[in-house]
Amino acid sequence: MNKLIVSPSPHDENYVKTSTIMLNVIIALLPAWGAAIYFFGLRVIPLTAVCVGSCIFFEYVCRRMMKRDNTITDLSAVVTGLILAMNLPVTLPYWMALIGSFVAIVVVKQLFGGLGQNFANPAITARIVIMVSFPAAMSNWIKPLAYDYDAVSSATPLVLAKKGESLPSYLDLLLGKTGGCLGEVCALGLLIGGLYLAARKIISLAAPVSFIGSLFVLSWIAGDDPVYQILAGGVFLGAFFMATDYATTPITNKGKIVFGLGCGIITFIIRRFGSYPEGVSFSILLMNVLTPYIEQLTRTKILGAKEAEKNEG
């Protein structure tokens, strides 16, 4: 005899598991990660392994210490480690990457209750902590295809633009033949990954389109090269892989659009008027903080709510 199960709606059993979502994000990051290996050499692999492995380790130990069910099988720690690695230069010492993993998993994620409870994106916050703590190490870039981590240095496209020096071509920016973090170089690989996630219905394009579109329009109005501004730096990485984080971004489409617009505006302001050439990380973190307010302002009104309020009055 079948048991009668009584439960509240919705009753859809075809939900997508967290591990499936995270696996798709990992797959989507592979084109850009592969391009980073090609342009920056094999050191990309151990740096990524340190970030991913330490994120898994810290999550396992933290959950054990808090006597909670272990969550390393949902692959969220793997994604955090991979995205963190994509936000680092290939020359970064491994022990600094370990500090970043600790901040991302222990401080930002687990101390707030774990996956879905954190108010800020773990990888973004970890990148900012490393960047503020070790600015020299976080600005040590190598020339693509040089593979000499000690003798050859370079500048990112945004730094070159800030100094008024000769800029890379659109093709170099698109393919990744520029200096920068692992995930700041191959715009084409990130675009392929983002469209893959959208096609799999893992993410909505509302936030990425409003993010990239607002930065494009503001750069055009200001007289900057808008194509260069969206291809350079971490715009595509931030728009497709961090501004779409389920836990730290709005749920509604209106909220996602507002979130993306805010990211684009703040990124433009920092790039245009700030001393720091890049503003993607700061813009996403600031908008993470504003997410609860955005959701409150853009939430869907319940049908009949006004009538009910009138009847109560």
Protein backbone atom coordinates (compact mmCIF):
# COMPACT_ATOMS: atom_id res chain seq x y z
CA MET A 1 0.00 0.00 0.00
CA ASN A 2 1.40 3.38 -1.03
CA LYS A 3 1.85 5.96 1.69
CA LEU A 4 -0.03 9.22 1.39
CA ILE A 5 2.44 12.07 1.71
CA VAL A 6 1.02 15.45 2.71
CA SER A 7 3.26 18.42 2.03
CA PRO A 8 2.92 22.07 0.99
CA SER A 9 3.34 23.11 -2.65
CA PRO A 10 5.19 23.14 -4.94
CA HIS A 11 5.10 19.43 -5.71
CA ASP A 12 7.60 19.39 -8.58
CA GLU A 13 10.01 16.48 -8.15
CA ASN A 14 12.18 17.53 -11.11
CA TYR A 15 14.26 19.94 -9.06
CA VAL A 16 17.90 20.48 -9.93
CA LYS A 17 20.37 19.32 -7.30
CA THR A 18 22.99 21.71 -6.01
CA SER A 19 25.75 19.37 -7.17
CA THR A 20 24.31 19.42 -10.71
CA ILE A 21 24.30 23.23 -10.75
CA MET A 22 27.86 23.38 -9.47
CA LEU A 23 29.05 20.78 -11.96
CA ASN A 24 27.63 22.90 -14.78
CA VAL A 25 29.45 25.96 -13.43
CA ILE A 26 32.70 23.99 -13.37
CA ILE A 27 32.15 22.90 -16.98
CA ALA A 28 31.36 26.48 -17.99
CA LEU A 29 34.64 27.74 -16.51
CA LEU A 30 36.79 25.17 -18.34
CA PRO A 31 37.18 27.12 -21.65
CA ALA A 32 38.57 30.20 -19.88
CA TRP A 33 40.66 28.06 -17.53
CA GLY A 34 42.12 26.16 -20.47
CA ALA A 35 42.96 29.45 -22.18
CA ALA A 36 44.74 30.58 -19.00
CA ILE A 37 46.90 27.44 -19.09
CA TYR A 38 47.78 28.10 -22.72
CA PHE A 39 48.73 31.76 -22.17
CA PHE A 40 50.29 31.55 -18.69
CA GLY A 41 51.73 28.06 -18.51
CA LEU A 42 51.38 24.99 -16.33
CA ARG A 43 51.62 26.90 -13.04
CA VAL A 44 47.91 27.61 -13.50
CA ILE A 45 47.21 23.96 -12.61
CA PRO A 46 48.91 23.80 -9.17
CA LEU A 47 47.59 27.26 -8.25
CA THR A 48 44.06 26.11 -9.06
CA ALA A 49 44.65 22.83 -7.22
CA VAL A 50 45.75 24.72 -4.09
CA CYS A 51 42.63 26.92 -4.18
CA VAL A 52 40.20 24.06 -4.84
CA GLY A 53 41.87 21.58 -2.48
CA SER A 54 42.14 24.03 0.40
CA CYS A 55 38.52 25.15 -0.04
CA ILE A 56 37.39 21.52 0.20
CA PHE A 57 39.64 20.94 3.22
CA PHE A 58 38.47 24.05 5.09
CA GLU A 59 34.82 23.24 4.42
CA TYR A 60 35.24 19.64 5.62
CA VAL A 61 37.07 20.64 8.82
CA CYS A 62 34.72 23.53 9.52
CA ARG A 63 31.59 21.39 9.16
CA ARG A 64 33.10 18.71 11.39
CA MET A 65 34.00 21.25 14.07
CA MET A 66 30.49 22.72 13.98
CA LYS A 67 29.04 19.18 14.11
CA ARG A 68 26.97 19.73 10.98
CA ASP A 69 26.35 17.52 7.97
CA ASN A 70 29.28 17.68 5.59
CA THR A 71 28.58 19.46 2.31
CA ILE A 72 31.72 18.88 0.26
CA THR A 73 29.82 16.54 -2.08
CA ASP A 74 27.61 19.39 -3.33
CA LEU A 75 30.71 20.74 -5.18
CA SER A 76 30.10 24.30 -3.96
CA ALA A 77 33.56 24.39 -2.33
CA VAL A 78 35.09 23.25 -5.62
CA VAL A 79 33.35 26.09 -7.47
CA THR A 80 34.46 28.62 -4.85
CA GLY A 81 38.06 27.45 -5.18
CA LEU A 82 37.95 27.51 -8.97
CA ILE A 83 36.44 31.00 -9.13
CA LEU A 84 38.95 32.21 -6.55
CA ALA A 85 41.80 30.85 -8.69
CA MET A 86 40.35 32.65 -11.72
CA ASN A 87 40.57 35.89 -9.72
CA LEU A 88 44.29 35.53 -8.99
CA PRO A 89 47.45 36.20 -11.01
CA VAL A 90 49.40 33.09 -11.96
CA THR A 91 52.44 34.33 -10.01
CA LEU A 92 50.67 34.54 -6.64
CA PRO A 93 52.44 32.52 -3.90
CA TYR A 94 50.50 29.44 -2.87
CA TRP A 95 50.32 30.43 0.80
CA MET A 96 48.46 33.60 -0.14
CA ALA A 97 45.98 31.50 -2.09
CA LEU A 98 45.51 29.42 1.09
CA ILE A 99 44.64 32.55 3.02
CA GLY A 100 42.10 33.44 0.34
CA SER A 101 40.51 30.00 0.59
CA PHE A 102 40.28 30.32 4.37
CA VAL A 103 38.55 33.69 4.09
CA ALA A 104 36.16 32.44 1.42
CA ILE A 105 35.08 29.21 3.12
CA VAL A 106 35.46 29.77 6.85
CA VAL A 107 34.86 33.51 7.29
CA VAL A 108 32.42 34.34 4.50
CA LYS A 109 30.58 31.05 3.99
CA GLN A 110 30.56 28.75 7.03
CA LEU A 111 30.48 31.35 9.83
CA PHE A 112 27.25 32.65 8.31
CA GLY A 113 25.66 29.20 8.19
CA GLY A 114 26.97 27.63 4.99
CA LEU A 115 25.76 27.57 1.41
CA GLY A 116 22.79 29.87 0.87
CA GLN A 117 23.27 31.77 4.13
CA ASN A 118 26.27 33.90 3.19
CA PHE A 119 25.46 37.50 2.32
CA ALA A 120 28.52 38.07 0.12
CA ASN A 121 30.18 36.11 -2.65
CA PRO A 122 33.01 34.12 -0.99
CA ALA A 123 35.46 34.24 -3.91
CA ILE A 124 34.97 37.98 -4.47
CA THR A 125 35.48 38.77 -0.79
CA ALA A 126 38.59 36.57 -0.66
CA ARG A 127 40.03 38.31 -3.73
CA ILE A 128 39.52 41.74 -2.15
CA VAL A 129 41.12 40.62 1.13
CA ILE A 130 44.19 39.29 -0.72
CA MET A 131 44.32 42.38 -2.92
CA VAL A 132 44.25 44.76 0.06
CA SER A 133 46.67 42.65 2.12
CA PHE A 134 49.18 41.83 -0.63
CA PRO A 135 48.84 44.52 -3.33
CA ALA A 136 52.27 43.89 -4.85
CA ALA A 137 51.69 40.16 -5.27
CA MET A 138 48.20 40.80 -6.71
CA SER A 139 49.60 43.16 -9.33
CA ASN A 140 52.50 41.00 -10.52
CA TRP A 141 51.50 40.11 -14.07
CA ILE A 142 53.44 38.17 -16.70
CA LYS A 143 53.31 38.53 -20.44
CA PRO A 144 51.18 35.88 -22.18
CA LEU A 145 53.15 32.99 -23.64
CA ALA A 146 56.30 34.12 -21.82
CA TYR A 147 56.21 31.34 -19.18
CA ASP A 148 58.95 33.06 -17.19
CA TYR A 149 57.44 33.96 -13.84
CA ASP A 150 60.54 35.67 -12.44
CA ALA A 151 61.96 37.79 -15.23
CA VAL A 152 59.03 38.95 -17.35
CA SER A 153 56.42 41.41 -16.15
CA SER A 154 53.52 43.08 -17.88
CA ALA A 155 50.50 45.28 -17.23
CA THR A 156 46.81 44.60 -17.57
CA PRO A 157 44.85 46.30 -20.37
CA LEU A 158 43.06 48.54 -17.85
CA VAL A 159 46.38 49.69 -16.37
CA LEU A 160 47.63 50.49 -19.87
CA ALA A 161 44.44 52.46 -20.57
CA LYS A 162 44.84 54.35 -17.28
CA LYS A 163 48.40 55.33 -18.23
CA GLY A 164 47.45 56.26 -21.79
CA GLU A 165 49.82 53.69 -23.32
CA SER A 166 49.26 51.60 -26.45
CA LEU A 167 46.43 49.13 -26.00
CA PRO A 168 45.95 45.52 -27.08
CA SER A 169 43.65 44.83 -30.01
CA TYR A 170 40.06 43.64 -29.62
CA LEU A 171 41.17 40.23 -30.89
CA ASP A 172 43.85 39.94 -28.19
CA LEU A 173 41.28 40.88 -25.54
CA LEU A 174 38.76 38.43 -26.92
CA LEU A 175 41.18 35.50 -27.09
CA GLY A 176 43.17 36.29 -23.95
CA LYS A 177 46.58 37.42 -25.16
CA THR A 178 46.88 40.04 -22.42
CA GLY A 179 48.13 40.37 -18.86
CA GLY A 180 45.77 39.88 -15.92
CA CYS A 181 44.30 37.33 -13.56
CA LEU A 182 43.49 33.86 -14.90
CA GLY A 183 39.85 34.81 -15.47
CA GLU A 184 40.48 38.30 -16.81
CA VAL A 185 42.12 37.36 -20.07
CA CYS A 186 39.96 35.20 -22.36
CA ALA A 187 36.67 37.02 -22.84
CA LEU A 188 35.63 34.50 -25.49
CA GLY A 189 36.03 31.55 -23.12
CA LEU A 190 34.00 33.31 -20.42
CA LEU A 191 31.31 34.26 -22.93
CA ILE A 192 31.04 30.63 -24.10
CA GLY A 193 30.77 29.50 -20.49
CA GLY A 194 28.14 32.10 -19.65
CA LEU A 195 26.00 31.23 -22.66
CA TYR A 196 26.33 27.54 -21.76
CA LEU A 197 24.96 28.24 -18.28
CA ALA A 198 22.11 30.27 -19.76
CA ALA A 199 21.29 27.52 -22.28
CA ARG A 200 21.22 24.98 -19.44
CA LYS A 201 18.95 27.38 -17.51
CA ILE A 202 21.41 27.48 -14.64
CA ILE A 203 21.54 31.29 -14.74
CA SER A 204 19.36 34.10 -16.02
CA LEU A 205 20.93 36.58 -18.42
CA ALA A 206 19.12 39.50 -16.74
CA ALA A 207 22.00 40.48 -14.45
CA PRO A 208 24.87 39.86 -16.94
CA VAL A 209 23.15 41.80 -19.74
CA SER A 210 22.26 44.76 -17.50
CA PHE A 211 25.79 44.72 -16.00
CA ILE A 212 27.63 44.61 -19.32
CA GLY A 213 25.08 46.87 -21.06
CA SER A 214 25.18 49.63 -18.43
CA LEU A 215 28.99 49.65 -18.42
CA PHE A 216 29.00 49.79 -22.23
CA VAL A 217 26.55 52.72 -22.37
CA LEU A 218 28.23 54.74 -19.62
CA SER A 219 31.67 54.23 -21.18
CA TRP A 220 30.32 55.37 -24.55
CA ILE A 221 28.73 58.48 -23.01
CA ALA A 222 31.97 59.31 -21.19
CA GLY A 223 33.96 59.08 -24.42
CA ASP A 224 35.80 55.87 -23.54
CA ASP A 225 36.00 52.90 -25.88
CA PRO A 226 32.97 50.86 -24.73
CA VAL A 227 34.04 47.64 -26.46
CA TYR A 228 37.46 47.83 -24.82
CA GLN A 229 35.88 48.47 -21.42
CA ILE A 230 33.69 45.36 -21.49
CA LEU A 231 36.34 43.06 -22.95
CA ALA A 232 39.12 44.16 -20.59
CA GLY A 233 39.34 43.19 -16.95
CA GLY A 234 36.97 40.94 -15.07
CA VAL A 235 33.65 42.11 -16.50
CA PHE A 236 32.67 38.82 -18.15
CA LEU A 237 33.89 36.73 -15.21
CA GLY A 238 31.98 38.90 -12.76
CA ALA A 239 28.85 39.23 -14.88
CA PHE A 240 28.35 35.55 -15.75
CA PHE A 241 29.85 33.75 -12.75
CA MET A 242 29.56 36.05 -9.72
CA ALA A 243 26.69 38.45 -10.38
CA THR A 244 24.50 35.36 -10.90
CA ASP A 245 25.27 33.68 -7.57
CA TYR A 246 22.02 32.31 -6.15
CA ALA A 247 22.75 33.12 -2.50
CA THR A 248 24.02 36.69 -2.84
CA THR A 249 21.95 38.17 -5.67
CA PRO A 250 18.22 38.98 -6.02
CA ILE A 251 15.71 36.29 -6.93
CA THR A 252 13.30 38.25 -9.15
CA ASN A 253 14.13 39.32 -12.71
CA LYS A 254 13.54 42.97 -11.79
CA GLY A 255 15.93 42.57 -8.90
CA LYS A 256 18.54 40.93 -11.12
CA ILE A 257 18.32 43.84 -13.57
CA VAL A 258 18.72 46.39 -10.78
CA PHE A 259 21.65 44.39 -9.39
CA GLY A 260 23.36 44.30 -12.78
CA LEU A 261 22.78 48.01 -13.37
CA GLY A 262 24.30 48.79 -9.97
CA CYS A 263 27.36 46.66 -10.75
CA GLY A 264 27.83 48.37 -14.10
CA ILE A 265 27.49 51.87 -12.65
CA ILE A 266 29.87 51.25 -9.73
CA THR A 267 32.42 49.55 -12.02
CA PHE A 268 32.30 52.55 -14.36
CA ILE A 269 32.72 55.05 -11.51
CA ILE A 270 35.73 53.23 -10.04
CA ARG A 271 37.39 52.77 -13.41
CA ARG A 272 36.72 56.34 -14.51
CA PHE A 273 37.35 58.33 -11.34
CA GLY A 274 39.14 55.97 -8.94
CA SER A 275 42.85 55.40 -8.57
CA TYR A 276 42.38 51.65 -8.94
CA PRO A 277 41.98 50.56 -12.59
CA GLU A 278 39.43 47.78 -11.95
CA GLY A 279 36.12 47.94 -10.09
CA VAL A 280 34.28 44.70 -10.81
CA SER A 281 35.06 43.01 -7.48
CA PHE A 282 34.10 46.04 -5.41
CA SER A 283 30.91 46.61 -7.39
CA ILE A 284 29.66 43.05 -6.89
CA LEU A 285 30.50 43.07 -3.17
CA LEU A 286 28.72 46.38 -2.64
CA MET A 287 25.66 45.15 -4.52
CA ASN A 288 25.72 41.92 -2.47
CA VAL A 289 25.23 44.10 0.61
CA LEU A 290 22.29 45.87 -1.06
CA THR A 291 20.62 42.65 -2.25
CA PRO A 292 18.10 42.38 0.65
CA TYR A 293 16.92 45.94 -0.04
CA ILE A 294 16.70 45.32 -3.77
CA GLU A 295 14.58 42.22 -3.15
CA GLN A 296 12.31 44.16 -0.84
CA LEU A 297 11.76 46.90 -3.42
CA THR A 298 11.28 44.55 -6.37
CA ARG A 299 9.33 41.73 -4.74
CA THR A 300 6.17 40.56 -6.45
CA LYS A 301 3.00 41.83 -4.81
CA ILE A 302 0.59 39.15 -3.66
CA LEU A 303 -2.65 39.12 -5.60
CA GLY A 304 -5.41 40.56 -3.44
CA ALA A 305 -3.06 41.99 -0.82
CA LYS A 306 -4.44 45.52 -1.10
CA GLU A 307 -8.03 44.31 -0.82
CA ALA A 308 -7.15 42.36 2.31
CA GLU A 309 -5.57 45.42 3.88
CA LYS A 310 -8.71 47.45 3.15
CA ASN A 311 -10.96 44.83 4.69
CA GLU A 312 -8.81 44.78 7.84
CA GLY A 313 -9.09 48.56 8.07
